[in-house]
Amino acid sequence: MSKKFVWTKKYSVNVKEIDEQHKEFIKICNSLADLASSKSFTDEEALIKVMQLGDYIAYHFGTEEEYFIKAKYTDESLHVKIHNKFRKKVNKFIKQVRDKNIDTKKIIKEAADFSGSWLLNHILIMDKKYSKQFNEHKIK
């Protein structure tokens, strides 16, 4: 069974929109975990879930990256580089799920575990750094 990820106040970055997006991101990771824990699922269901993750990170990272520009965020280039590594990893999951020769259940479990753990660590290590600068630029 895949680990479930839980939002707590310690993950707040003091920007309402981003906190809400992080909560939704966690829900998507947990839905991947639910799928991985189910007795059976189709390749199409698996593809839909990893595509949902890919679509959501495009939306969420886009929001953060727009705010980096608006707030003239000093750590923007490093943060975007880390986002890009995650984008590549999710694209790899999508490609693997499409490959009929790869164990889809294993990939879905890996995608769930990796994405949820990555997000919670990323919030605490990277995202917390922009809170003050965003708030100073009226991004709350």
N, C-alpha and C. Protein backbone atom coordinates (compact mmCIF):
# COMPACT_ATOMS: atom_id res chain seq x y z
N MET A 1 0.84 -1.19 0.00
CA MET A 1 0.00 0.00 0.00
C MET A 1 0.89 1.25 0.00
N SER A 2 0.53 2.19 -0.82
CA SER A 2 1.29 3.44 -0.90
C SER A 2 0.94 4.35 0.28
N LYS A 3 1.91 5.12 0.66
CA LYS A 3 1.77 6.07 1.76
C LYS A 3 0.80 7.18 1.37
N LYS A 4 -0.04 7.61 2.33
CA LYS A 4 -0.92 8.75 2.11
C LYS A 4 -0.23 10.01 2.61
N PHE A 5 -0.45 11.09 1.93
CA PHE A 5 0.17 12.36 2.27
C PHE A 5 -0.89 13.28 2.86
N VAL A 6 -0.53 13.97 3.94
CA VAL A 6 -1.49 14.78 4.68
C VAL A 6 -0.98 16.21 4.79
N TRP A 7 -1.86 17.14 4.45
CA TRP A 7 -1.56 18.57 4.58
C TRP A 7 -1.70 18.96 6.05
N THR A 8 -0.73 19.69 6.57
CA THR A 8 -0.84 20.31 7.89
C THR A 8 -0.36 21.74 7.76
N LYS A 9 -0.63 22.56 8.77
CA LYS A 9 -0.26 23.97 8.72
C LYS A 9 1.23 24.21 8.53
N LYS A 10 2.04 23.23 8.92
CA LYS A 10 3.49 23.43 8.76
C LYS A 10 3.89 23.58 7.30
N TYR A 11 3.01 23.16 6.39
CA TYR A 11 3.29 23.28 4.96
C TYR A 11 2.82 24.61 4.35
N SER A 12 2.17 25.45 5.15
CA SER A 12 1.68 26.72 4.62
C SER A 12 2.84 27.62 4.24
N VAL A 13 2.70 28.26 3.07
CA VAL A 13 3.70 29.25 2.63
C VAL A 13 3.15 30.67 2.79
N ASN A 14 2.02 30.79 3.47
CA ASN A 14 1.38 32.09 3.73
C ASN A 14 0.95 32.81 2.46
N VAL A 15 0.63 32.04 1.44
CA VAL A 15 0.04 32.56 0.21
C VAL A 15 -1.16 31.66 -0.06
N LYS A 16 -2.36 32.22 0.14
CA LYS A 16 -3.58 31.40 0.11
C LYS A 16 -3.70 30.57 -1.17
N GLU A 17 -3.51 31.20 -2.32
CA GLU A 17 -3.66 30.50 -3.59
C GLU A 17 -2.69 29.32 -3.71
N ILE A 18 -1.46 29.54 -3.30
CA ILE A 18 -0.46 28.47 -3.42
C ILE A 18 -0.74 27.37 -2.40
N ASP A 19 -1.14 27.74 -1.18
CA ASP A 19 -1.51 26.71 -0.20
C ASP A 19 -2.64 25.84 -0.74
N GLU A 20 -3.64 26.46 -1.35
CA GLU A 20 -4.76 25.69 -1.92
C GLU A 20 -4.28 24.77 -3.05
N GLN A 21 -3.38 25.28 -3.87
CA GLN A 21 -2.83 24.45 -4.95
C GLN A 21 -2.01 23.28 -4.39
N HIS A 22 -1.25 23.54 -3.33
CA HIS A 22 -0.50 22.45 -2.71
C HIS A 22 -1.44 21.38 -2.17
N LYS A 23 -2.55 21.79 -1.58
CA LYS A 23 -3.54 20.83 -1.08
C LYS A 23 -4.09 19.98 -2.22
N GLU A 24 -4.37 20.60 -3.35
CA GLU A 24 -4.87 19.86 -4.51
C GLU A 24 -3.80 18.91 -5.05
N PHE A 25 -2.57 19.35 -5.08
CA PHE A 25 -1.44 18.54 -5.52
C PHE A 25 -1.37 17.28 -4.64
N ILE A 26 -1.51 17.45 -3.33
CA ILE A 26 -1.51 16.31 -2.40
C ILE A 26 -2.65 15.36 -2.72
N LYS A 27 -3.83 15.91 -3.01
CA LYS A 27 -4.99 15.06 -3.37
C LYS A 27 -4.67 14.20 -4.60
N ILE A 28 -4.02 14.79 -5.58
CA ILE A 28 -3.67 14.05 -6.79
C ILE A 28 -2.66 12.94 -6.46
N CYS A 29 -1.67 13.25 -5.63
CA CYS A 29 -0.70 12.22 -5.21
C CYS A 29 -1.42 11.09 -4.48
N ASN A 30 -2.37 11.45 -3.63
CA ASN A 30 -3.13 10.43 -2.89
C ASN A 30 -4.03 9.62 -3.82
N SER A 31 -4.55 10.25 -4.85
CA SER A 31 -5.38 9.48 -5.81
C SER A 31 -4.51 8.49 -6.60
N LEU A 32 -3.26 8.86 -6.85
CA LEU A 32 -2.32 7.92 -7.47
C LEU A 32 -2.05 6.76 -6.50
N ALA A 33 -1.89 7.07 -5.23
CA ALA A 33 -1.66 6.03 -4.21
C ALA A 33 -2.86 5.10 -4.12
N ASP A 34 -4.07 5.68 -4.18
CA ASP A 34 -5.29 4.85 -4.16
C ASP A 34 -5.32 3.91 -5.35
N LEU A 35 -4.97 4.43 -6.51
CA LEU A 35 -4.95 3.61 -7.72
C LEU A 35 -3.92 2.49 -7.57
N ALA A 36 -2.74 2.82 -7.07
CA ALA A 36 -1.69 1.82 -6.90
C ALA A 36 -2.10 0.73 -5.91
N SER A 37 -2.94 1.10 -4.93
CA SER A 37 -3.39 0.14 -3.91
C SER A 37 -4.59 -0.69 -4.35
N SER A 38 -5.22 -0.28 -5.44
CA SER A 38 -6.41 -1.01 -5.89
C SER A 38 -6.00 -2.37 -6.48
N LYS A 39 -6.93 -3.30 -6.43
CA LYS A 39 -6.65 -4.67 -6.93
C LYS A 39 -6.32 -4.66 -8.41
N SER A 40 -7.05 -3.87 -9.16
CA SER A 40 -6.78 -3.81 -10.60
C SER A 40 -7.24 -2.46 -11.16
N PHE A 41 -6.59 -2.08 -12.22
CA PHE A 41 -6.97 -0.88 -12.94
C PHE A 41 -6.48 -1.03 -14.37
N THR A 42 -7.06 -0.25 -15.25
CA THR A 42 -6.68 -0.33 -16.66
C THR A 42 -5.49 0.59 -16.93
N ASP A 43 -4.82 0.32 -18.03
CA ASP A 43 -3.72 1.20 -18.45
C ASP A 43 -4.25 2.60 -18.72
N GLU A 44 -5.49 2.67 -19.22
CA GLU A 44 -6.10 3.98 -19.49
C GLU A 44 -6.30 4.76 -18.19
N GLU A 45 -6.77 4.10 -17.14
CA GLU A 45 -6.95 4.77 -15.84
C GLU A 45 -5.61 5.27 -15.32
N ALA A 46 -4.58 4.46 -15.47
CA ALA A 46 -3.24 4.85 -15.03
C ALA A 46 -2.75 6.07 -15.81
N LEU A 47 -2.94 6.04 -17.11
CA LEU A 47 -2.50 7.16 -17.93
C LEU A 47 -3.25 8.44 -17.57
N ILE A 48 -4.54 8.33 -17.33
CA ILE A 48 -5.34 9.50 -16.94
C ILE A 48 -4.79 10.11 -15.66
N LYS A 49 -4.45 9.28 -14.68
CA LYS A 49 -3.94 9.78 -13.39
C LYS A 49 -2.58 10.46 -13.54
N VAL A 50 -1.65 9.86 -14.27
CA VAL A 50 -0.34 10.50 -14.40
C VAL A 50 -0.43 11.75 -15.28
N MET A 51 -1.34 11.74 -16.24
CA MET A 51 -1.56 12.95 -17.06
C MET A 51 -2.16 14.06 -16.19
N GLN A 52 -3.05 13.68 -15.28
CA GLN A 52 -3.63 14.66 -14.35
C GLN A 52 -2.51 15.30 -13.51
N LEU A 53 -1.59 14.48 -13.04
CA LEU A 53 -0.45 15.00 -12.29
C LEU A 53 0.36 15.96 -13.17
N GLY A 54 0.65 15.55 -14.39
CA GLY A 54 1.42 16.39 -15.31
C GLY A 54 0.73 17.71 -15.59
N ASP A 55 -0.58 17.66 -15.83
CA ASP A 55 -1.35 18.89 -16.10
C ASP A 55 -1.35 19.80 -14.88
N TYR A 56 -1.51 19.19 -13.70
CA TYR A 56 -1.60 20.02 -12.50
C TYR A 56 -0.27 20.68 -12.17
N ILE A 57 0.83 19.96 -12.34
CA ILE A 57 2.10 20.62 -12.04
C ILE A 57 2.40 21.73 -13.04
N ALA A 58 1.95 21.57 -14.28
CA ALA A 58 2.12 22.67 -15.25
C ALA A 58 1.39 23.91 -14.75
N TYR A 59 0.18 23.72 -14.28
CA TYR A 59 -0.64 24.82 -13.74
C TYR A 59 0.00 25.41 -12.47
N HIS A 60 0.32 24.54 -11.52
CA HIS A 60 0.85 25.00 -10.23
C HIS A 60 2.22 25.66 -10.38
N PHE A 61 3.14 25.00 -11.07
CA PHE A 61 4.46 25.60 -11.25
C PHE A 61 4.35 26.91 -12.03
N GLY A 62 3.43 26.98 -12.96
CA GLY A 62 3.20 28.22 -13.70
C GLY A 62 2.80 29.36 -12.78
N THR A 63 1.91 29.05 -11.82
CA THR A 63 1.49 30.06 -10.85
C THR A 63 2.68 30.55 -10.04
N GLU A 64 3.44 29.61 -9.49
CA GLU A 64 4.60 30.01 -8.68
C GLU A 64 5.59 30.81 -9.51
N GLU A 65 5.85 30.38 -10.71
CA GLU A 65 6.85 31.03 -11.54
C GLU A 65 6.42 32.43 -11.98
N GLU A 66 5.12 32.65 -12.16
CA GLU A 66 4.62 34.01 -12.43
C GLU A 66 4.88 34.90 -11.22
N TYR A 67 4.62 34.35 -10.03
CA TYR A 67 4.86 35.11 -8.80
C TYR A 67 6.34 35.38 -8.58
N PHE A 68 7.21 34.47 -9.02
CA PHE A 68 8.66 34.73 -8.90
C PHE A 68 9.00 36.03 -9.63
N ILE A 69 8.43 36.19 -10.82
CA ILE A 69 8.71 37.38 -11.62
C ILE A 69 8.12 38.61 -10.95
N LYS A 70 6.86 38.50 -10.53
CA LYS A 70 6.17 39.63 -9.89
C LYS A 70 6.90 40.09 -8.63
N ALA A 71 7.41 39.14 -7.84
CA ALA A 71 8.08 39.47 -6.58
C ALA A 71 9.59 39.67 -6.75
N LYS A 72 10.06 39.54 -8.00
CA LYS A 72 11.51 39.61 -8.26
C LYS A 72 12.25 38.68 -7.30
N TYR A 73 11.76 37.44 -7.26
CA TYR A 73 12.27 36.44 -6.32
C TYR A 73 13.73 36.14 -6.59
N THR A 74 14.55 36.27 -5.57
CA THR A 74 16.00 36.16 -5.71
C THR A 74 16.48 34.74 -6.03
N ASP A 75 15.73 33.73 -5.64
CA ASP A 75 16.14 32.33 -5.88
C ASP A 75 15.39 31.72 -7.07
N GLU A 76 14.87 32.58 -7.95
CA GLU A 76 14.04 32.11 -9.05
C GLU A 76 14.72 31.05 -9.91
N SER A 77 15.95 31.29 -10.36
CA SER A 77 16.55 30.37 -11.33
C SER A 77 16.77 28.98 -10.73
N LEU A 78 17.21 28.90 -9.48
CA LEU A 78 17.38 27.59 -8.84
C LEU A 78 16.03 26.90 -8.67
N HIS A 79 15.03 27.65 -8.24
CA HIS A 79 13.70 27.08 -8.01
C HIS A 79 13.11 26.53 -9.32
N VAL A 80 13.24 27.29 -10.39
CA VAL A 80 12.72 26.84 -11.69
C VAL A 80 13.49 25.60 -12.17
N LYS A 81 14.78 25.57 -11.93
CA LYS A 81 15.59 24.40 -12.30
C LYS A 81 15.07 23.15 -11.58
N ILE A 82 14.72 23.28 -10.31
CA ILE A 82 14.18 22.16 -9.54
C ILE A 82 12.80 21.77 -10.07
N HIS A 83 11.96 22.76 -10.40
CA HIS A 83 10.66 22.47 -11.02
C HIS A 83 10.87 21.69 -12.32
N ASN A 84 11.84 22.11 -13.11
CA ASN A 84 12.07 21.45 -14.40
C ASN A 84 12.50 19.99 -14.24
N LYS A 85 13.29 19.71 -13.21
CA LYS A 85 13.67 18.32 -12.94
C LYS A 85 12.43 17.48 -12.61
N PHE A 86 11.52 18.07 -11.83
CA PHE A 86 10.30 17.35 -11.49
C PHE A 86 9.42 17.15 -12.73
N ARG A 87 9.34 18.18 -13.57
CA ARG A 87 8.58 18.05 -14.82
C ARG A 87 9.12 16.87 -15.65
N LYS A 88 10.44 16.77 -15.75
CA LYS A 88 11.06 15.68 -16.50
C LYS A 88 10.71 14.32 -15.91
N LYS A 89 10.71 14.24 -14.59
CA LYS A 89 10.39 12.98 -13.91
C LYS A 89 8.94 12.57 -14.20
N VAL A 90 8.03 13.53 -14.14
CA VAL A 90 6.62 13.23 -14.42
C VAL A 90 6.46 12.83 -15.89
N ASN A 91 7.14 13.50 -16.78
CA ASN A 91 7.08 13.11 -18.20
C ASN A 91 7.60 11.69 -18.40
N LYS A 92 8.61 11.31 -17.61
CA LYS A 92 9.13 9.94 -17.68
C LYS A 92 8.05 8.96 -17.21
N PHE A 93 7.34 9.29 -16.13
CA PHE A 93 6.25 8.42 -15.66
C PHE A 93 5.19 8.25 -16.74
N ILE A 94 4.84 9.34 -17.40
CA ILE A 94 3.83 9.30 -18.47
C ILE A 94 4.30 8.37 -19.58
N LYS A 95 5.54 8.55 -19.98
CA LYS A 95 6.11 7.71 -21.05
C LYS A 95 6.10 6.23 -20.63
N GLN A 96 6.47 5.95 -19.39
CA GLN A 96 6.51 4.58 -18.90
C GLN A 96 5.11 3.95 -18.86
N VAL A 97 4.12 4.71 -18.44
CA VAL A 97 2.75 4.19 -18.38
C VAL A 97 2.25 3.85 -19.79
N ARG A 98 2.70 4.60 -20.76
CA ARG A 98 2.30 4.34 -22.16
C ARG A 98 2.99 3.11 -22.74
N ASP A 99 4.11 2.70 -22.12
CA ASP A 99 4.89 1.56 -22.61
C ASP A 99 4.24 0.26 -22.14
N LYS A 100 3.76 -0.52 -23.06
CA LYS A 100 3.06 -1.77 -22.75
C LYS A 100 3.97 -2.83 -22.14
N ASN A 101 5.29 -2.64 -22.22
CA ASN A 101 6.24 -3.62 -21.71
C ASN A 101 6.69 -3.34 -20.27
N ILE A 102 6.12 -2.31 -19.65
CA ILE A 102 6.52 -1.94 -18.30
C ILE A 102 5.34 -2.19 -17.36
N ASP A 103 5.65 -2.64 -16.13
CA ASP A 103 4.64 -2.91 -15.11
C ASP A 103 3.99 -1.60 -14.66
N THR A 104 2.78 -1.35 -15.14
CA THR A 104 2.09 -0.10 -14.86
C THR A 104 1.82 0.09 -13.37
N LYS A 105 1.46 -0.98 -12.68
CA LYS A 105 1.19 -0.88 -11.25
C LYS A 105 2.42 -0.37 -10.50
N LYS A 106 3.57 -0.88 -10.86
CA LYS A 106 4.83 -0.46 -10.23
C LYS A 106 5.09 1.03 -10.50
N ILE A 107 4.85 1.46 -11.73
CA ILE A 107 5.08 2.86 -12.10
C ILE A 107 4.12 3.78 -11.35
N ILE A 108 2.86 3.38 -11.23
CA ILE A 108 1.88 4.22 -10.52
C ILE A 108 2.27 4.35 -9.05
N LYS A 109 2.69 3.25 -8.44
CA LYS A 109 3.14 3.30 -7.04
C LYS A 109 4.34 4.23 -6.91
N GLU A 110 5.29 4.07 -7.81
CA GLU A 110 6.48 4.92 -7.78
C GLU A 110 6.10 6.39 -7.98
N ALA A 111 5.20 6.66 -8.91
CA ALA A 111 4.77 8.04 -9.18
C ALA A 111 4.10 8.64 -7.94
N ALA A 112 3.25 7.86 -7.28
CA ALA A 112 2.56 8.34 -6.08
C ALA A 112 3.56 8.64 -4.96
N ASP A 113 4.41 7.67 -4.67
CA ASP A 113 5.37 7.82 -3.57
C ASP A 113 6.35 8.95 -3.84
N PHE A 114 6.90 8.97 -5.04
CA PHE A 114 7.88 9.99 -5.39
C PHE A 114 7.25 11.39 -5.37
N SER A 115 6.10 11.55 -6.00
CA SER A 115 5.48 12.87 -6.13
C SER A 115 5.06 13.45 -4.79
N GLY A 116 4.42 12.63 -3.97
CA GLY A 116 3.99 13.12 -2.66
C GLY A 116 5.16 13.49 -1.77
N SER A 117 6.15 12.62 -1.71
CA SER A 117 7.33 12.91 -0.89
C SER A 117 8.07 14.13 -1.42
N TRP A 118 8.21 14.19 -2.74
CA TRP A 118 8.90 15.32 -3.36
C TRP A 118 8.18 16.62 -2.99
N LEU A 119 6.86 16.64 -3.12
CA LEU A 119 6.12 17.88 -2.87
C LEU A 119 6.29 18.35 -1.43
N LEU A 120 6.08 17.46 -0.47
CA LEU A 120 6.16 17.89 0.92
C LEU A 120 7.58 18.36 1.28
N ASN A 121 8.59 17.67 0.80
CA ASN A 121 9.97 18.13 1.03
C ASN A 121 10.24 19.44 0.31
N HIS A 122 9.74 19.57 -0.91
CA HIS A 122 9.94 20.78 -1.70
C HIS A 122 9.31 22.00 -1.00
N ILE A 123 8.12 21.81 -0.46
CA ILE A 123 7.47 22.92 0.25
C ILE A 123 8.34 23.37 1.42
N LEU A 124 8.77 22.41 2.23
CA LEU A 124 9.53 22.76 3.44
C LEU A 124 10.91 23.33 3.14
N ILE A 125 11.55 22.84 2.09
CA ILE A 125 12.92 23.27 1.79
C ILE A 125 12.96 24.47 0.85
N MET A 126 12.19 24.44 -0.23
CA MET A 126 12.28 25.50 -1.25
C MET A 126 11.16 26.55 -1.15
N ASP A 127 9.91 26.08 -1.07
CA ASP A 127 8.80 27.02 -1.14
C ASP A 127 8.73 27.95 0.07
N LYS A 128 9.08 27.46 1.23
CA LYS A 128 9.06 28.30 2.43
C LYS A 128 9.97 29.51 2.28
N LYS A 129 10.99 29.39 1.44
CA LYS A 129 11.95 30.48 1.25
C LYS A 129 11.32 31.70 0.58
N TYR A 130 10.27 31.49 -0.22
CA TYR A 130 9.71 32.66 -0.93
C TYR A 130 8.60 33.36 -0.17
N SER A 131 8.12 32.79 0.90
CA SER A 131 6.98 33.37 1.64
C SER A 131 7.16 34.84 1.95
N LYS A 132 8.26 35.18 2.61
CA LYS A 132 8.48 36.56 3.04
C LYS A 132 8.53 37.50 1.85
N GLN A 133 9.30 37.13 0.83
CA GLN A 133 9.44 38.00 -0.34
C GLN A 133 8.10 38.16 -1.07
N PHE A 134 7.34 37.09 -1.20
CA PHE A 134 6.02 37.18 -1.83
C PHE A 134 5.12 38.11 -1.03
N ASN A 135 5.06 37.91 0.28
CA ASN A 135 4.21 38.74 1.13
C ASN A 135 4.61 40.21 1.06
N GLU A 136 5.90 40.49 0.99
CA GLU A 136 6.37 41.88 0.86
C GLU A 136 5.91 42.52 -0.44
N HIS A 137 5.63 41.69 -1.46
CA HIS A 137 5.14 42.19 -2.75
C HIS A 137 3.63 42.01 -2.87
N LYS A 138 2.96 41.93 -1.73
CA LYS A 138 1.48 41.87 -1.66
C LYS A 138 0.91 40.60 -2.27
N ILE A 139 1.70 39.54 -2.29
CA ILE A 139 1.21 38.24 -2.75
C ILE A 139 0.92 37.44 -1.48
N LYS A 140 -0.38 37.35 -1.18
CA LYS A 140 -0.76 36.70 0.10
C LYS A 140 -1.85 35.70 -0.10
